[in-house]
Amino acid sequence: MFYRSADRTALIQVFRASEPELSPLDAVKQASTHLRGGTRGYEEISVGPVSGVPGAAELVYQYDSEESRGVRRGVERVLLAADGAKWVVLTAGPAAEWQVTQDHHAAALAAFRPTG
């Protein structure tokens, strides 16, 4: 699933992780390494397990984005489904509107019901 705001400054993506051998934490660390190597202005803000959510890990980062007209900040959470499949919920938007992005991310996570 991919949603982009009408003005193209923000986005939400939900997809199944394609690396079955990686733990959620290893998956977000690998995502950070990949982004660092090819994303202009990339800065890792935080990476680690999600408190109170067993088997979940999260990466928060920002990068230069023409679509967001400056710096875009994103949050990528990897979750484990009951069948062991890993799912990614990624939300990003202008860094200056970080609270809005966090609210969108929380809403996406609250509505998401992973299946295998």
N, C-alpha and C. Protein backbone atom coordinates (compact mmCIF):
# COMPACT_ATOMS: atom_id res chain seq x y z
N MET A 1 0.84 -1.15 0.00
CA MET A 1 0.00 0.00 0.00
C MET A 1 0.90 1.22 0.00
N PHE A 2 0.58 2.18 -0.82
CA PHE A 2 1.36 3.41 -0.89
C PHE A 2 0.39 4.58 -1.01
N TYR A 3 0.50 5.53 -0.11
CA TYR A 3 -0.34 6.72 -0.13
C TYR A 3 0.57 7.94 -0.11
N ARG A 4 0.29 8.88 -0.97
CA ARG A 4 1.03 10.14 -1.01
C ARG A 4 0.01 11.28 -0.88
N SER A 5 0.33 12.28 -0.07
CA SER A 5 -0.57 13.43 0.09
C SER A 5 -0.73 14.15 -1.25
N ALA A 6 -1.83 14.89 -1.38
CA ALA A 6 -2.12 15.58 -2.65
C ALA A 6 -1.01 16.53 -3.05
N ASP A 7 -0.35 17.15 -2.08
CA ASP A 7 0.75 18.07 -2.41
C ASP A 7 2.11 17.36 -2.49
N ARG A 8 2.11 16.05 -2.32
CA ARG A 8 3.28 15.17 -2.46
C ARG A 8 4.35 15.40 -1.38
N THR A 9 4.02 16.12 -0.32
CA THR A 9 5.03 16.36 0.72
C THR A 9 5.13 15.22 1.72
N ALA A 10 4.07 14.41 1.84
CA ALA A 10 4.03 13.35 2.86
C ALA A 10 3.62 12.03 2.22
N LEU A 11 3.96 10.94 2.91
CA LEU A 11 3.62 9.61 2.38
C LEU A 11 3.47 8.60 3.50
N ILE A 12 2.74 7.54 3.19
CA ILE A 12 2.62 6.37 4.06
C ILE A 12 2.78 5.15 3.16
N GLN A 13 3.62 4.21 3.59
CA GLN A 13 3.80 2.95 2.88
C GLN A 13 3.61 1.81 3.87
N VAL A 14 2.97 0.75 3.43
CA VAL A 14 2.87 -0.49 4.20
C VAL A 14 3.23 -1.61 3.25
N PHE A 15 4.22 -2.42 3.65
CA PHE A 15 4.63 -3.51 2.78
C PHE A 15 5.24 -4.64 3.60
N ARG A 16 5.27 -5.81 3.01
CA ARG A 16 5.89 -6.97 3.65
C ARG A 16 7.39 -6.90 3.44
N ALA A 17 8.15 -7.10 4.51
CA ALA A 17 9.62 -7.07 4.41
C ALA A 17 10.07 -8.25 3.55
N SER A 18 11.08 -8.00 2.73
CA SER A 18 11.53 -9.02 1.79
C SER A 18 12.75 -9.79 2.27
N GLU A 19 13.21 -9.53 3.48
CA GLU A 19 14.38 -10.22 4.01
C GLU A 19 13.96 -11.11 5.18
N PRO A 20 13.47 -12.33 4.91
CA PRO A 20 12.94 -13.17 5.99
C PRO A 20 13.97 -13.57 7.04
N GLU A 21 15.25 -13.53 6.68
CA GLU A 21 16.29 -13.96 7.61
C GLU A 21 16.65 -12.88 8.63
N LEU A 22 16.24 -11.65 8.42
CA LEU A 22 16.60 -10.56 9.32
C LEU A 22 15.57 -10.38 10.43
N SER A 23 16.05 -10.09 11.63
CA SER A 23 15.16 -9.71 12.72
C SER A 23 14.63 -8.31 12.42
N PRO A 24 13.55 -7.89 13.06
CA PRO A 24 13.10 -6.51 12.85
C PRO A 24 14.19 -5.48 13.13
N LEU A 25 14.98 -5.68 14.18
CA LEU A 25 16.05 -4.73 14.49
C LEU A 25 17.11 -4.74 13.39
N ASP A 26 17.51 -5.91 12.92
CA ASP A 26 18.48 -5.98 11.84
C ASP A 26 17.93 -5.35 10.57
N ALA A 27 16.61 -5.49 10.34
CA ALA A 27 15.99 -4.91 9.14
C ALA A 27 16.05 -3.39 9.15
N VAL A 28 15.77 -2.76 10.31
CA VAL A 28 15.83 -1.29 10.34
C VAL A 28 17.27 -0.80 10.29
N LYS A 29 18.19 -1.56 10.87
CA LYS A 29 19.60 -1.17 10.77
C LYS A 29 20.08 -1.27 9.33
N GLN A 30 19.65 -2.30 8.62
CA GLN A 30 20.02 -2.45 7.21
C GLN A 30 19.40 -1.33 6.38
N ALA A 31 18.16 -0.97 6.68
CA ALA A 31 17.51 0.14 5.97
C ALA A 31 18.29 1.43 6.16
N SER A 32 18.76 1.67 7.37
CA SER A 32 19.54 2.87 7.64
C SER A 32 20.84 2.87 6.85
N THR A 33 21.51 1.74 6.82
CA THR A 33 22.76 1.63 6.05
C THR A 33 22.52 1.89 4.58
N HIS A 34 21.44 1.33 4.04
CA HIS A 34 21.10 1.52 2.63
C HIS A 34 20.79 3.00 2.35
N LEU A 35 19.98 3.62 3.21
CA LEU A 35 19.64 5.03 3.01
C LEU A 35 20.87 5.93 3.11
N ARG A 36 21.75 5.62 4.05
CA ARG A 36 22.97 6.42 4.24
C ARG A 36 23.81 6.43 2.96
N GLY A 37 23.83 5.31 2.27
CA GLY A 37 24.65 5.20 1.08
C GLY A 37 24.11 5.88 -0.15
N GLY A 38 22.81 6.20 -0.19
CA GLY A 38 22.28 6.74 -1.42
C GLY A 38 21.23 7.82 -1.28
N THR A 39 21.14 8.43 -0.12
CA THR A 39 20.11 9.44 0.09
C THR A 39 20.76 10.76 0.51
N ARG A 40 20.51 11.78 -0.28
CA ARG A 40 21.12 13.10 -0.04
C ARG A 40 20.68 13.66 1.30
N GLY A 41 21.64 14.05 2.12
CA GLY A 41 21.36 14.68 3.40
C GLY A 41 20.87 13.71 4.47
N TYR A 42 21.05 12.41 4.27
CA TYR A 42 20.55 11.42 5.22
C TYR A 42 21.16 11.59 6.61
N GLU A 43 20.31 11.53 7.62
CA GLU A 43 20.74 11.57 9.01
C GLU A 43 19.89 10.60 9.82
N GLU A 44 20.52 9.63 10.46
CA GLU A 44 19.81 8.71 11.34
C GLU A 44 19.56 9.44 12.66
N ILE A 45 18.32 9.48 13.10
CA ILE A 45 17.97 10.13 14.36
C ILE A 45 17.94 9.10 15.49
N SER A 46 17.30 7.97 15.24
CA SER A 46 17.28 6.90 16.23
C SER A 46 16.99 5.57 15.54
N VAL A 47 17.45 4.50 16.16
CA VAL A 47 17.18 3.15 15.66
C VAL A 47 17.21 2.22 16.86
N GLY A 48 16.21 1.33 16.94
CA GLY A 48 16.20 0.40 18.05
C GLY A 48 14.86 -0.28 18.23
N PRO A 49 14.79 -1.13 19.26
CA PRO A 49 13.53 -1.82 19.57
C PRO A 49 12.46 -0.81 19.99
N VAL A 50 11.19 -1.19 19.83
CA VAL A 50 10.08 -0.34 20.23
C VAL A 50 9.62 -0.77 21.62
N SER A 51 9.70 0.13 22.56
CA SER A 51 9.31 -0.16 23.94
C SER A 51 7.83 -0.56 24.00
N GLY A 52 7.56 -1.68 24.65
CA GLY A 52 6.18 -2.13 24.83
C GLY A 52 5.58 -2.85 23.65
N VAL A 53 6.36 -3.05 22.58
CA VAL A 53 5.85 -3.75 21.40
C VAL A 53 6.83 -4.88 21.08
N PRO A 54 6.59 -6.07 21.63
CA PRO A 54 7.52 -7.19 21.42
C PRO A 54 7.75 -7.48 19.93
N GLY A 55 9.00 -7.68 19.58
CA GLY A 55 9.34 -8.05 18.21
C GLY A 55 9.29 -6.91 17.21
N ALA A 56 9.21 -5.67 17.66
CA ALA A 56 9.15 -4.53 16.74
C ALA A 56 10.41 -3.68 16.90
N ALA A 57 10.82 -3.06 15.81
CA ALA A 57 11.96 -2.15 15.82
C ALA A 57 11.61 -0.96 14.94
N GLU A 58 12.29 0.15 15.19
CA GLU A 58 11.94 1.38 14.50
C GLU A 58 13.18 2.20 14.17
N LEU A 59 13.12 2.83 13.02
CA LEU A 59 14.15 3.75 12.55
C LEU A 59 13.50 5.10 12.32
N VAL A 60 14.08 6.15 12.89
CA VAL A 60 13.65 7.52 12.62
C VAL A 60 14.83 8.20 11.94
N TYR A 61 14.56 8.89 10.85
CA TYR A 61 15.62 9.49 10.05
C TYR A 61 15.08 10.70 9.30
N GLN A 62 16.00 11.47 8.72
CA GLN A 62 15.60 12.58 7.86
C GLN A 62 16.58 12.70 6.70
N TYR A 63 16.11 13.39 5.66
CA TYR A 63 16.92 13.55 4.45
C TYR A 63 16.39 14.73 3.66
N ASP A 64 17.18 15.20 2.72
CA ASP A 64 16.78 16.30 1.86
C ASP A 64 15.74 15.80 0.87
N SER A 65 14.65 16.57 0.71
CA SER A 65 13.56 16.15 -0.17
C SER A 65 13.00 17.33 -0.94
N GLU A 66 13.10 17.28 -2.25
CA GLU A 66 12.50 18.32 -3.07
C GLU A 66 10.99 18.30 -2.91
N GLU A 67 10.39 17.09 -2.82
CA GLU A 67 8.93 17.00 -2.68
C GLU A 67 8.44 17.65 -1.40
N SER A 68 9.18 17.48 -0.33
CA SER A 68 8.79 18.09 0.94
C SER A 68 9.30 19.52 1.09
N ARG A 69 9.94 20.01 0.04
CA ARG A 69 10.44 21.39 0.00
C ARG A 69 11.40 21.68 1.14
N GLY A 70 12.32 20.75 1.36
CA GLY A 70 13.32 20.91 2.41
C GLY A 70 13.68 19.56 2.98
N VAL A 71 13.65 19.45 4.28
CA VAL A 71 14.02 18.21 4.95
C VAL A 71 12.76 17.40 5.22
N ARG A 72 12.81 16.11 4.87
CA ARG A 72 11.71 15.19 5.15
C ARG A 72 12.16 14.27 6.27
N ARG A 73 11.29 14.06 7.24
CA ARG A 73 11.60 13.14 8.34
C ARG A 73 10.68 11.93 8.23
N GLY A 74 11.27 10.76 8.43
CA GLY A 74 10.51 9.53 8.31
C GLY A 74 10.66 8.64 9.52
N VAL A 75 9.69 7.77 9.68
CA VAL A 75 9.74 6.74 10.72
C VAL A 75 9.33 5.42 10.06
N GLU A 76 10.16 4.42 10.24
CA GLU A 76 9.94 3.10 9.64
C GLU A 76 9.90 2.09 10.78
N ARG A 77 8.75 1.43 10.94
CA ARG A 77 8.62 0.41 11.98
C ARG A 77 8.46 -0.95 11.32
N VAL A 78 9.24 -1.92 11.80
CA VAL A 78 9.12 -3.30 11.34
C VAL A 78 8.44 -4.09 12.45
N LEU A 79 7.37 -4.78 12.06
CA LEU A 79 6.54 -5.54 13.00
C LEU A 79 6.53 -7.02 12.62
N LEU A 80 6.38 -7.87 13.61
CA LEU A 80 6.23 -9.30 13.37
C LEU A 80 4.76 -9.67 13.43
N ALA A 81 4.27 -10.38 12.40
CA ALA A 81 2.91 -10.92 12.43
C ALA A 81 2.92 -12.23 13.21
N ALA A 82 1.75 -12.71 13.55
CA ALA A 82 1.63 -13.95 14.32
C ALA A 82 2.29 -15.13 13.60
N ASP A 83 2.30 -15.11 12.27
CA ASP A 83 2.89 -16.21 11.51
C ASP A 83 4.39 -16.03 11.28
N GLY A 84 4.98 -14.99 11.86
CA GLY A 84 6.42 -14.76 11.72
C GLY A 84 6.79 -13.85 10.57
N ALA A 85 5.83 -13.48 9.72
CA ALA A 85 6.12 -12.55 8.62
C ALA A 85 6.43 -11.17 9.20
N LYS A 86 7.29 -10.45 8.52
CA LYS A 86 7.64 -9.09 8.94
C LYS A 86 6.96 -8.08 8.01
N TRP A 87 6.37 -7.07 8.62
CA TRP A 87 5.72 -6.00 7.88
C TRP A 87 6.36 -4.67 8.25
N VAL A 88 6.36 -3.75 7.30
CA VAL A 88 6.94 -2.43 7.49
C VAL A 88 5.83 -1.38 7.34
N VAL A 89 5.75 -0.48 8.32
CA VAL A 89 4.88 0.69 8.23
C VAL A 89 5.80 1.89 8.25
N LEU A 90 5.80 2.64 7.15
CA LEU A 90 6.70 3.78 6.97
C LEU A 90 5.86 5.02 6.74
N THR A 91 6.17 6.06 7.48
CA THR A 91 5.47 7.33 7.34
C THR A 91 6.52 8.44 7.27
N ALA A 92 6.34 9.39 6.35
CA ALA A 92 7.31 10.47 6.20
C ALA A 92 6.59 11.75 5.80
N GLY A 93 7.18 12.87 6.19
CA GLY A 93 6.63 14.17 5.84
C GLY A 93 7.64 15.25 6.16
N PRO A 94 7.29 16.50 5.91
CA PRO A 94 8.22 17.60 6.19
C PRO A 94 8.67 17.57 7.65
N ALA A 95 9.96 17.74 7.86
CA ALA A 95 10.50 17.72 9.23
C ALA A 95 9.84 18.79 10.10
N ALA A 96 9.48 19.92 9.50
CA ALA A 96 8.84 21.00 10.25
C ALA A 96 7.44 20.61 10.73
N GLU A 97 6.88 19.54 10.17
CA GLU A 97 5.54 19.06 10.54
C GLU A 97 5.65 17.67 11.18
N TRP A 98 6.69 17.46 11.98
CA TRP A 98 6.98 16.15 12.56
C TRP A 98 5.81 15.62 13.39
N GLN A 99 5.14 16.46 14.15
CA GLN A 99 4.02 15.97 14.97
C GLN A 99 2.91 15.42 14.08
N VAL A 100 2.64 16.06 12.96
CA VAL A 100 1.62 15.57 12.02
C VAL A 100 2.03 14.20 11.49
N THR A 101 3.31 14.05 11.13
CA THR A 101 3.81 12.76 10.64
C THR A 101 3.67 11.70 11.72
N GLN A 102 4.00 12.03 12.95
CA GLN A 102 3.86 11.07 14.05
C GLN A 102 2.40 10.69 14.26
N ASP A 103 1.49 11.64 14.14
CA ASP A 103 0.07 11.34 14.26
C ASP A 103 -0.40 10.41 13.15
N HIS A 104 0.06 10.66 11.93
CA HIS A 104 -0.30 9.78 10.80
C HIS A 104 0.26 8.38 11.01
N HIS A 105 1.48 8.31 11.52
CA HIS A 105 2.11 7.01 11.77
C HIS A 105 1.32 6.24 12.84
N ALA A 106 0.94 6.91 13.90
CA ALA A 106 0.18 6.27 14.96
C ALA A 106 -1.15 5.76 14.42
N ALA A 107 -1.82 6.54 13.58
CA ALA A 107 -3.10 6.12 13.00
C ALA A 107 -2.93 4.91 12.08
N ALA A 108 -1.86 4.93 11.29
CA ALA A 108 -1.59 3.78 10.40
C ALA A 108 -1.32 2.52 11.21
N LEU A 109 -0.53 2.66 12.27
CA LEU A 109 -0.23 1.49 13.12
C LEU A 109 -1.49 0.99 13.83
N ALA A 110 -2.35 1.89 14.29
CA ALA A 110 -3.56 1.49 14.99
C ALA A 110 -4.52 0.75 14.07
N ALA A 111 -4.53 1.10 12.79
CA ALA A 111 -5.44 0.48 11.84
C ALA A 111 -4.87 -0.79 11.20
N PHE A 112 -3.57 -0.96 11.26
CA PHE A 112 -2.92 -2.07 10.56
C PHE A 112 -3.12 -3.38 11.30
N ARG A 113 -3.52 -4.40 10.55
CA ARG A 113 -3.69 -5.75 11.07
C ARG A 113 -2.88 -6.69 10.19
N PRO A 114 -1.63 -6.97 10.59
CA PRO A 114 -0.77 -7.79 9.72
C PRO A 114 -1.29 -9.22 9.59
N THR A 115 -1.15 -9.72 8.38
CA THR A 115 -1.47 -11.12 8.10
C THR A 115 -0.33 -11.70 7.30
N GLY A 116 -0.23 -12.97 7.27
CA GLY A 116 0.85 -13.64 6.54
C GLY A 116 0.53 -13.87 5.11
